[in-house]
Amino acid sequence: MAALREPLRAAEESSGCAVFAYGTLMFPAVWQKVTGEDLPSRPAQLPNCAARRLRGQTYPVLVPQGGACTAGVLYEGVSAAALARLDVFEGDFYVRRSRQVSCADGARRPAWVYLAALPESPEILLESWDAESFARDSLEEFLRADSGFAGAAEAENCAATRTKTRYDGP
C-alpha cells in the first residue's frame, strides 16, 4: 500500500514548497485558517485530474481522469509546519503527491497535491465540484464550522508520526 504522504525534499525543508489547491483551500480565508500562513497565490492548472463532489460534503476530492484539467491556485514558499497542518487537515481520505502543474504564464512547476486515497470510493460522485457555488452557498458556514481546523493546529506534534509513514518513493 502506498504511503499517505511523501517526505519533503531537503530544499523544501529550508526554502518552502509549492502546494496546488483546487478546492476550499483556494480561498485565502480557508488557507490562512488552516495553515496559519498568509501567502499570495497564482492561477494554475493540473492536467489529467478532476475535482469531484463528495457525497454529503461541500468540499471536493481530486481523482485521476485522462484529458481533464483542474483549475486551482499555486501557493509557493509553504513552510514545513504549514504542510504538516495541511496533512492533518486533509486526513486519511487524501494522499499528498508531487505533480507537475501549469501556471498561467506557461511555466510548469512541481507542487504537492492532495488526491483521493481511494479514487473508486462510492462517496466520490461523478458530478464536478464548483468553486463559485461553494463560495456563494457554503464558504461562510465552512469557515464558521471547525472543519478539522482544530486538528490542524496540532500538526506540530505529529513529526514523529510522519517519520513512521511508509512511502513508495518520489
N, C-alpha and C. Protein backbone atom coordinates (compact mmCIF):
# COMPACT_ATOMS: atom_id res chain seq x y z
N MET A 1 0.84 -1.19 0.00
CA MET A 1 0.00 0.00 0.00
C MET A 1 0.88 1.24 0.00
N ALA A 2 0.50 2.23 -0.78
CA ALA A 2 1.26 3.47 -0.86
C ALA A 2 1.08 4.28 0.41
N ALA A 3 2.08 5.07 0.72
CA ALA A 3 2.00 5.93 1.89
C ALA A 3 1.01 7.06 1.63
N LEU A 4 0.48 7.59 2.70
CA LEU A 4 -0.43 8.71 2.57
C LEU A 4 0.31 10.00 2.26
N ARG A 5 1.56 10.09 2.65
CA ARG A 5 2.33 11.31 2.47
C ARG A 5 3.73 10.98 1.98
N GLU A 6 4.19 11.72 0.99
CA GLU A 6 5.57 11.60 0.55
C GLU A 6 6.41 12.53 1.42
N PRO A 7 7.67 12.18 1.69
CA PRO A 7 8.50 13.05 2.52
C PRO A 7 8.92 14.31 1.76
N LEU A 8 9.23 15.36 2.51
CA LEU A 8 9.73 16.59 1.91
C LEU A 8 11.14 16.36 1.39
N ARG A 9 11.46 17.06 0.32
CA ARG A 9 12.83 17.06 -0.19
C ARG A 9 13.62 18.08 0.65
N ALA A 10 14.93 17.92 0.71
CA ALA A 10 15.78 18.78 1.55
C ALA A 10 15.58 20.26 1.23
N ALA A 11 15.50 20.62 -0.05
CA ALA A 11 15.34 22.02 -0.43
C ALA A 11 14.02 22.58 0.10
N GLU A 12 12.99 21.75 0.16
CA GLU A 12 11.69 22.21 0.65
C GLU A 12 11.72 22.48 2.15
N GLU A 13 12.52 21.72 2.86
CA GLU A 13 12.63 21.92 4.31
C GLU A 13 13.15 23.33 4.61
N SER A 14 14.09 23.81 3.78
CA SER A 14 14.71 25.10 4.08
C SER A 14 14.03 26.28 3.40
N SER A 15 13.58 26.11 2.16
CA SER A 15 13.06 27.27 1.43
C SER A 15 11.56 27.24 1.21
N GLY A 16 10.90 26.21 1.67
CA GLY A 16 9.46 26.11 1.46
C GLY A 16 9.15 25.33 0.21
N CYS A 17 7.90 24.97 0.07
CA CYS A 17 7.49 24.15 -1.05
C CYS A 17 6.28 24.79 -1.72
N ALA A 18 5.85 24.20 -2.81
CA ALA A 18 4.67 24.67 -3.53
C ALA A 18 3.53 23.69 -3.30
N VAL A 19 2.32 24.23 -3.14
CA VAL A 19 1.13 23.42 -2.96
C VAL A 19 0.08 23.90 -3.95
N PHE A 20 -0.49 22.96 -4.71
CA PHE A 20 -1.59 23.26 -5.62
C PHE A 20 -2.89 23.02 -4.87
N ALA A 21 -3.73 24.06 -4.80
CA ALA A 21 -5.03 23.95 -4.14
C ALA A 21 -6.12 24.06 -5.19
N TYR A 22 -7.10 23.16 -5.12
CA TYR A 22 -8.15 23.09 -6.13
C TYR A 22 -9.55 23.18 -5.53
N GLY A 23 -9.66 23.25 -4.23
CA GLY A 23 -10.97 23.24 -3.57
C GLY A 23 -11.08 24.37 -2.57
N THR A 24 -11.48 24.03 -1.37
CA THR A 24 -11.70 25.05 -0.34
C THR A 24 -10.44 25.84 -0.03
N LEU A 25 -9.28 25.22 -0.18
CA LEU A 25 -8.02 25.90 0.14
C LEU A 25 -7.65 26.96 -0.90
N MET A 26 -8.37 27.05 -2.01
CA MET A 26 -8.15 28.13 -2.97
C MET A 26 -8.57 29.47 -2.38
N PHE A 27 -9.45 29.42 -1.40
CA PHE A 27 -9.97 30.64 -0.79
C PHE A 27 -9.00 31.10 0.30
N PRO A 28 -8.46 32.31 0.17
CA PRO A 28 -7.43 32.78 1.11
C PRO A 28 -7.83 32.65 2.58
N ALA A 29 -9.09 32.91 2.92
CA ALA A 29 -9.50 32.82 4.33
C ALA A 29 -9.39 31.39 4.84
N VAL A 30 -9.71 30.41 4.01
CA VAL A 30 -9.58 29.00 4.42
C VAL A 30 -8.10 28.65 4.53
N TRP A 31 -7.33 29.01 3.51
CA TRP A 31 -5.89 28.73 3.52
C TRP A 31 -5.24 29.27 4.79
N GLN A 32 -5.52 30.53 5.11
CA GLN A 32 -4.91 31.16 6.28
C GLN A 32 -5.35 30.49 7.58
N LYS A 33 -6.61 30.13 7.66
CA LYS A 33 -7.12 29.49 8.88
C LYS A 33 -6.48 28.12 9.10
N VAL A 34 -6.27 27.38 8.02
CA VAL A 34 -5.69 26.03 8.13
C VAL A 34 -4.18 26.08 8.32
N THR A 35 -3.49 26.87 7.51
CA THR A 35 -2.02 26.83 7.52
C THR A 35 -1.39 27.81 8.49
N GLY A 36 -2.12 28.87 8.82
CA GLY A 36 -1.53 29.93 9.63
C GLY A 36 -0.61 30.82 8.83
N GLU A 37 -0.59 30.67 7.51
CA GLU A 37 0.28 31.48 6.65
C GLU A 37 -0.56 32.32 5.70
N ASP A 38 -0.10 33.54 5.48
CA ASP A 38 -0.73 34.46 4.55
C ASP A 38 0.17 34.56 3.33
N LEU A 39 -0.07 33.69 2.35
CA LEU A 39 0.78 33.64 1.16
C LEU A 39 0.00 34.07 -0.07
N PRO A 40 0.67 34.73 -1.01
CA PRO A 40 -0.02 35.01 -2.27
C PRO A 40 -0.18 33.71 -3.05
N SER A 41 -1.12 33.71 -3.96
CA SER A 41 -1.30 32.55 -4.83
C SER A 41 -1.39 33.04 -6.27
N ARG A 42 -1.21 32.10 -7.19
CA ARG A 42 -1.38 32.44 -8.60
C ARG A 42 -2.15 31.32 -9.28
N PRO A 43 -2.89 31.65 -10.33
CA PRO A 43 -3.68 30.63 -11.02
C PRO A 43 -2.78 29.53 -11.57
N ALA A 44 -3.28 28.31 -11.49
CA ALA A 44 -2.56 27.15 -12.01
C ALA A 44 -3.57 26.08 -12.41
N GLN A 45 -3.09 25.11 -13.18
CA GLN A 45 -3.95 24.01 -13.60
C GLN A 45 -3.20 22.69 -13.44
N LEU A 46 -3.96 21.65 -13.13
CA LEU A 46 -3.41 20.31 -13.01
C LEU A 46 -4.04 19.44 -14.08
N PRO A 47 -3.23 18.94 -15.02
CA PRO A 47 -3.79 18.09 -16.08
C PRO A 47 -4.11 16.68 -15.58
N ASN A 48 -5.04 16.06 -16.28
CA ASN A 48 -5.40 14.65 -16.07
C ASN A 48 -5.97 14.34 -14.70
N CYS A 49 -6.61 15.33 -14.09
CA CYS A 49 -7.30 15.15 -12.82
C CYS A 49 -8.58 15.97 -12.83
N ALA A 50 -9.59 15.51 -12.09
CA ALA A 50 -10.87 16.21 -11.99
C ALA A 50 -11.26 16.39 -10.53
N ALA A 51 -11.76 17.58 -10.21
CA ALA A 51 -12.27 17.86 -8.86
C ALA A 51 -13.73 17.43 -8.83
N ARG A 52 -14.03 16.48 -7.96
CA ARG A 52 -15.38 15.92 -7.88
C ARG A 52 -16.02 16.21 -6.54
N ARG A 53 -17.34 16.22 -6.53
CA ARG A 53 -18.09 16.39 -5.30
C ARG A 53 -18.03 15.09 -4.50
N LEU A 54 -18.13 15.26 -3.19
CA LEU A 54 -18.21 14.13 -2.26
C LEU A 54 -19.62 14.08 -1.68
N ARG A 55 -20.15 12.90 -1.57
CA ARG A 55 -21.49 12.72 -1.03
C ARG A 55 -21.60 13.38 0.35
N GLY A 56 -22.56 14.30 0.48
CA GLY A 56 -22.84 14.93 1.76
C GLY A 56 -21.84 15.98 2.22
N GLN A 57 -20.91 16.38 1.35
CA GLN A 57 -19.88 17.34 1.74
C GLN A 57 -19.90 18.56 0.84
N THR A 58 -19.35 19.66 1.32
CA THR A 58 -19.25 20.86 0.49
C THR A 58 -17.87 20.99 -0.14
N TYR A 59 -16.91 20.17 0.27
CA TYR A 59 -15.55 20.24 -0.27
C TYR A 59 -15.35 19.12 -1.29
N PRO A 60 -14.38 19.29 -2.19
CA PRO A 60 -14.16 18.31 -3.25
C PRO A 60 -13.05 17.32 -2.94
N VAL A 61 -12.87 16.42 -3.90
CA VAL A 61 -11.75 15.48 -3.90
C VAL A 61 -11.23 15.43 -5.33
N LEU A 62 -9.95 15.20 -5.47
CA LEU A 62 -9.33 15.16 -6.79
C LEU A 62 -9.08 13.72 -7.19
N VAL A 63 -9.53 13.36 -8.40
CA VAL A 63 -9.35 12.00 -8.89
C VAL A 63 -8.67 12.03 -10.26
N PRO A 64 -7.90 10.99 -10.58
CA PRO A 64 -7.29 10.92 -11.91
C PRO A 64 -8.39 10.82 -12.98
N GLN A 65 -8.23 11.58 -14.05
CA GLN A 65 -9.15 11.48 -15.19
C GLN A 65 -8.43 11.99 -16.42
N GLY A 66 -8.06 11.06 -17.31
CA GLY A 66 -7.36 11.43 -18.53
C GLY A 66 -8.11 12.48 -19.32
N GLY A 67 -7.38 13.49 -19.79
CA GLY A 67 -7.97 14.54 -20.60
C GLY A 67 -8.60 15.68 -19.81
N ALA A 68 -8.84 15.47 -18.53
CA ALA A 68 -9.43 16.53 -17.70
C ALA A 68 -8.34 17.52 -17.31
N CYS A 69 -8.76 18.69 -16.86
CA CYS A 69 -7.83 19.69 -16.36
C CYS A 69 -8.52 20.43 -15.22
N THR A 70 -7.89 20.45 -14.06
CA THR A 70 -8.48 21.10 -12.89
C THR A 70 -7.83 22.45 -12.65
N ALA A 71 -8.67 23.47 -12.56
CA ALA A 71 -8.18 24.82 -12.26
C ALA A 71 -8.03 24.96 -10.75
N GLY A 72 -7.03 25.71 -10.36
CA GLY A 72 -6.80 25.96 -8.95
C GLY A 72 -5.82 27.09 -8.78
N VAL A 73 -5.15 27.10 -7.64
CA VAL A 73 -4.13 28.11 -7.37
C VAL A 73 -2.89 27.43 -6.83
N LEU A 74 -1.76 28.09 -7.04
CA LEU A 74 -0.48 27.59 -6.56
C LEU A 74 0.02 28.52 -5.46
N TYR A 75 0.27 27.94 -4.29
CA TYR A 75 0.90 28.66 -3.19
C TYR A 75 2.36 28.24 -3.18
N GLU A 76 3.27 29.21 -3.10
CA GLU A 76 4.70 28.91 -3.08
C GLU A 76 5.31 29.43 -1.78
N GLY A 77 6.39 28.78 -1.35
CA GLY A 77 7.04 29.17 -0.10
C GLY A 77 6.31 28.65 1.12
N VAL A 78 5.55 27.58 0.96
CA VAL A 78 4.80 26.98 2.06
C VAL A 78 5.79 26.30 3.01
N SER A 79 5.70 26.62 4.28
CA SER A 79 6.64 26.06 5.27
C SER A 79 6.32 24.60 5.57
N ALA A 80 7.32 23.91 6.12
CA ALA A 80 7.12 22.52 6.53
C ALA A 80 6.04 22.42 7.61
N ALA A 81 5.98 23.42 8.49
CA ALA A 81 4.95 23.42 9.55
C ALA A 81 3.56 23.57 8.94
N ALA A 82 3.42 24.44 7.94
CA ALA A 82 2.11 24.60 7.28
C ALA A 82 1.73 23.32 6.53
N LEU A 83 2.71 22.68 5.89
CA LEU A 83 2.42 21.43 5.18
C LEU A 83 1.96 20.35 6.16
N ALA A 84 2.56 20.32 7.34
CA ALA A 84 2.13 19.36 8.37
C ALA A 84 0.68 19.64 8.78
N ARG A 85 0.33 20.92 8.91
CA ARG A 85 -1.06 21.26 9.25
C ARG A 85 -2.00 20.85 8.13
N LEU A 86 -1.57 21.03 6.88
CA LEU A 86 -2.40 20.60 5.74
C LEU A 86 -2.59 19.08 5.76
N ASP A 87 -1.53 18.33 6.08
CA ASP A 87 -1.65 16.87 6.14
C ASP A 87 -2.71 16.46 7.15
N VAL A 88 -2.72 17.11 8.31
CA VAL A 88 -3.72 16.79 9.34
C VAL A 88 -5.11 17.20 8.87
N PHE A 89 -5.21 18.40 8.31
CA PHE A 89 -6.50 18.91 7.82
C PHE A 89 -7.09 17.99 6.76
N GLU A 90 -6.28 17.52 5.82
CA GLU A 90 -6.77 16.68 4.73
C GLU A 90 -7.12 15.27 5.21
N GLY A 91 -6.46 14.77 6.22
CA GLY A 91 -6.82 13.48 6.79
C GLY A 91 -6.47 12.30 5.89
N ASP A 92 -7.01 11.13 6.26
CA ASP A 92 -6.68 9.89 5.56
C ASP A 92 -7.44 9.67 4.26
N PHE A 93 -8.43 10.50 3.98
CA PHE A 93 -9.19 10.34 2.74
C PHE A 93 -8.37 10.81 1.54
N TYR A 94 -7.30 11.57 1.81
CA TYR A 94 -6.45 12.13 0.77
C TYR A 94 -5.02 11.63 0.92
N VAL A 95 -4.29 11.60 -0.19
CA VAL A 95 -2.85 11.35 -0.20
C VAL A 95 -2.16 12.58 -0.78
N ARG A 96 -0.99 12.88 -0.27
CA ARG A 96 -0.23 14.01 -0.81
C ARG A 96 0.82 13.46 -1.77
N ARG A 97 0.79 13.97 -3.00
CA ARG A 97 1.72 13.52 -4.04
C ARG A 97 2.29 14.73 -4.77
N SER A 98 3.48 14.57 -5.31
CA SER A 98 4.10 15.61 -6.13
C SER A 98 3.63 15.44 -7.57
N ARG A 99 3.14 16.55 -8.16
CA ARG A 99 2.67 16.54 -9.55
C ARG A 99 3.14 17.83 -10.23
N GLN A 100 3.22 17.80 -11.54
CA GLN A 100 3.55 18.99 -12.32
C GLN A 100 2.27 19.78 -12.56
N VAL A 101 2.29 21.06 -12.23
CA VAL A 101 1.16 21.93 -12.51
C VAL A 101 1.60 22.98 -13.52
N SER A 102 0.64 23.50 -14.26
CA SER A 102 0.90 24.54 -15.26
C SER A 102 0.40 25.87 -14.73
N CYS A 103 1.27 26.86 -14.77
CA CYS A 103 0.91 28.20 -14.30
C CYS A 103 0.39 29.02 -15.48
N ALA A 104 -0.28 30.12 -15.17
CA ALA A 104 -0.88 30.96 -16.20
C ALA A 104 0.16 31.51 -17.17
N ASP A 105 1.41 31.69 -16.70
CA ASP A 105 2.47 32.22 -17.57
C ASP A 105 3.11 31.14 -18.44
N GLY A 106 2.58 29.92 -18.38
CA GLY A 106 3.08 28.82 -19.19
C GLY A 106 4.13 27.97 -18.50
N ALA A 107 4.63 28.42 -17.37
CA ALA A 107 5.64 27.65 -16.65
C ALA A 107 5.02 26.39 -16.04
N ARG A 108 5.80 25.32 -16.03
CA ARG A 108 5.38 24.08 -15.35
C ARG A 108 6.24 23.96 -14.11
N ARG A 109 5.60 23.53 -13.01
CA ARG A 109 6.30 23.51 -11.73
C ARG A 109 5.83 22.33 -10.91
N PRO A 110 6.75 21.65 -10.19
CA PRO A 110 6.30 20.59 -9.28
C PRO A 110 5.61 21.21 -8.06
N ALA A 111 4.56 20.56 -7.62
CA ALA A 111 3.83 21.04 -6.44
C ALA A 111 3.21 19.85 -5.73
N TRP A 112 3.00 20.00 -4.44
CA TRP A 112 2.27 18.99 -3.68
C TRP A 112 0.79 19.15 -4.00
N VAL A 113 0.13 18.02 -4.17
CA VAL A 113 -1.30 17.97 -4.48
C VAL A 113 -1.93 16.90 -3.60
N TYR A 114 -3.13 17.19 -3.06
CA TYR A 114 -3.87 16.20 -2.27
C TYR A 114 -4.89 15.53 -3.18
N LEU A 115 -4.71 14.22 -3.37
CA LEU A 115 -5.56 13.40 -4.25
C LEU A 115 -6.37 12.42 -3.41
N ALA A 116 -7.42 11.90 -3.99
CA ALA A 116 -8.22 10.88 -3.31
C ALA A 116 -7.35 9.66 -3.03
N ALA A 117 -7.36 9.18 -1.79
CA ALA A 117 -6.62 7.97 -1.45
C ALA A 117 -7.25 6.75 -2.12
N LEU A 118 -8.57 6.78 -2.24
CA LEU A 118 -9.31 5.69 -2.88
C LEU A 118 -10.20 6.29 -3.97
N PRO A 119 -9.65 6.53 -5.16
CA PRO A 119 -10.41 7.23 -6.20
C PRO A 119 -11.68 6.51 -6.66
N GLU A 120 -11.82 5.24 -6.34
CA GLU A 120 -13.01 4.49 -6.71
C GLU A 120 -14.05 4.45 -5.59
N SER A 121 -13.85 5.21 -4.53
CA SER A 121 -14.78 5.22 -3.41
C SER A 121 -16.19 5.60 -3.86
N PRO A 122 -17.21 4.91 -3.36
CA PRO A 122 -18.58 5.26 -3.72
C PRO A 122 -19.00 6.62 -3.17
N GLU A 123 -18.21 7.19 -2.27
CA GLU A 123 -18.52 8.53 -1.73
C GLU A 123 -18.18 9.63 -2.73
N ILE A 124 -17.37 9.30 -3.74
CA ILE A 124 -16.98 10.28 -4.76
C ILE A 124 -18.02 10.25 -5.88
N LEU A 125 -18.65 11.39 -6.10
CA LEU A 125 -19.69 11.48 -7.11
C LEU A 125 -19.08 11.81 -8.48
N LEU A 126 -19.82 11.54 -9.53
CA LEU A 126 -19.35 11.88 -10.87
C LEU A 126 -19.48 13.38 -11.15
N GLU A 127 -20.27 14.07 -10.35
CA GLU A 127 -20.51 15.49 -10.53
C GLU A 127 -19.27 16.31 -10.19
N SER A 128 -18.96 17.27 -11.05
CA SER A 128 -17.83 18.16 -10.81
C SER A 128 -18.12 19.09 -9.64
N TRP A 129 -17.07 19.43 -8.88
CA TRP A 129 -17.19 20.40 -7.80
C TRP A 129 -17.08 21.79 -8.40
N ASP A 130 -17.87 22.74 -7.92
CA ASP A 130 -17.91 24.07 -8.48
C ASP A 130 -17.52 25.11 -7.42
N ALA A 131 -16.41 25.80 -7.65
CA ALA A 131 -15.90 26.78 -6.69
C ALA A 131 -16.86 27.95 -6.51
N GLU A 132 -17.49 28.40 -7.59
CA GLU A 132 -18.43 29.52 -7.48
C GLU A 132 -19.62 29.16 -6.59
N SER A 133 -20.15 27.97 -6.77
CA SER A 133 -21.27 27.53 -5.92
C SER A 133 -20.85 27.42 -4.47
N PHE A 134 -19.65 26.90 -4.24
CA PHE A 134 -19.15 26.79 -2.87
C PHE A 134 -19.03 28.18 -2.25
N ALA A 135 -18.44 29.12 -2.98
CA ALA A 135 -18.26 30.48 -2.45
C ALA A 135 -19.61 31.11 -2.12
N ARG A 136 -20.56 30.93 -2.99
CA ARG A 136 -21.88 31.54 -2.81
C ARG A 136 -22.68 30.86 -1.70
N ASP A 137 -22.65 29.54 -1.64
CA ASP A 137 -23.57 28.79 -0.78
C ASP A 137 -22.97 28.25 0.51
N SER A 138 -21.65 28.06 0.56
CA SER A 138 -21.09 27.30 1.68
C SER A 138 -19.86 27.89 2.36
N LEU A 139 -19.17 28.81 1.73
CA LEU A 139 -17.89 29.29 2.28
C LEU A 139 -18.05 29.87 3.68
N GLU A 140 -19.03 30.72 3.87
CA GLU A 140 -19.21 31.35 5.18
C GLU A 140 -19.42 30.32 6.29
N GLU A 141 -20.27 29.36 6.04
CA GLU A 141 -20.53 28.31 7.03
C GLU A 141 -19.30 27.42 7.22
N PHE A 142 -18.60 27.13 6.15
CA PHE A 142 -17.39 26.31 6.21
C PHE A 142 -16.36 26.96 7.14
N LEU A 143 -16.22 28.26 7.04
CA LEU A 143 -15.26 28.98 7.89
C LEU A 143 -15.71 29.02 9.35
N ARG A 144 -17.03 29.06 9.57
CA ARG A 144 -17.53 29.08 10.96
C ARG A 144 -17.40 27.71 11.62
N ALA A 145 -17.59 26.66 10.86
CA ALA A 145 -17.50 25.29 11.40
C ALA A 145 -16.04 24.95 11.68
N ASP A 146 -15.81 23.96 12.53
CA ASP A 146 -14.44 23.54 12.83
C ASP A 146 -13.77 23.00 11.59
N SER A 147 -14.44 22.13 10.83
CA SER A 147 -13.93 21.55 9.59
C SER A 147 -12.50 21.02 9.70
N GLY A 148 -12.11 20.56 10.87
CA GLY A 148 -10.78 19.98 11.03
C GLY A 148 -9.72 20.99 11.40
N PHE A 149 -10.07 22.27 11.53
CA PHE A 149 -9.07 23.28 11.83
C PHE A 149 -8.41 23.03 13.19
N ALA A 150 -9.19 22.58 14.17
CA ALA A 150 -8.62 22.33 15.49
C ALA A 150 -7.54 21.25 15.41
N GLY A 151 -7.80 20.22 14.63
CA GLY A 151 -6.82 19.16 14.45
C GLY A 151 -5.59 19.65 13.71
N ALA A 152 -5.79 20.58 12.77
CA ALA A 152 -4.66 21.12 12.03
C ALA A 152 -3.70 21.86 12.95
N ALA A 153 -4.22 22.47 14.00
CA ALA A 153 -3.36 23.20 14.94
C ALA A 153 -2.45 22.25 15.71
N GLU A 154 -2.79 20.99 15.76
CA GLU A 154 -1.98 20.00 16.49
C GLU A 154 -0.87 19.41 15.63
N ALA A 155 -0.74 19.86 14.40
CA ALA A 155 0.19 19.23 13.45
C ALA A 155 1.65 19.32 13.88
N GLU A 156 2.02 20.35 14.61
CA GLU A 156 3.41 20.46 15.02
C GLU A 156 3.83 19.27 15.87
N ASN A 157 2.87 18.59 16.48
CA ASN A 157 3.17 17.44 17.33
C ASN A 157 3.21 16.12 16.56
N CYS A 158 3.01 16.17 15.25
CA CYS A 158 2.92 14.91 14.50
C CYS A 158 4.20 14.56 13.76
N ALA A 159 5.31 15.22 14.03
CA ALA A 159 6.56 14.92 13.34
C ALA A 159 6.97 13.47 13.53
N ALA A 160 6.79 12.93 14.73
CA ALA A 160 7.15 11.52 14.98
C ALA A 160 6.28 10.60 14.15
N THR A 161 5.01 10.92 14.02
CA THR A 161 4.10 10.11 13.21
C THR A 161 4.53 10.14 11.75
N ARG A 162 4.91 11.33 11.26
CA ARG A 162 5.29 11.46 9.87
C ARG A 162 6.52 10.62 9.55
N THR A 163 7.47 10.50 10.46
CA THR A 163 8.67 9.72 10.18
C THR A 163 8.38 8.23 10.13
N LYS A 164 7.25 7.80 10.70
CA LYS A 164 6.87 6.39 10.66
C LYS A 164 6.08 6.03 9.41
N THR A 165 5.67 7.03 8.63
CA THR A 165 4.85 6.77 7.44
C THR A 165 5.70 6.14 6.36
N ARG A 166 5.19 5.03 5.80
CA ARG A 166 5.87 4.39 4.69
C ARG A 166 5.59 5.18 3.42
N TYR A 167 6.48 5.05 2.45
CA TYR A 167 6.17 5.65 1.16
C TYR A 167 6.85 4.86 0.07
N ASP A 168 6.31 5.01 -1.15
CA ASP A 168 6.78 4.23 -2.29
C ASP A 168 7.89 4.89 -3.08
N GLY A 169 8.38 6.01 -2.63
CA GLY A 169 9.44 6.69 -3.36
C GLY A 169 8.92 7.97 -4.00
N PRO A 170 9.83 8.75 -4.57
CA PRO A 170 9.45 10.06 -5.12
C PRO A 170 8.54 9.98 -6.32
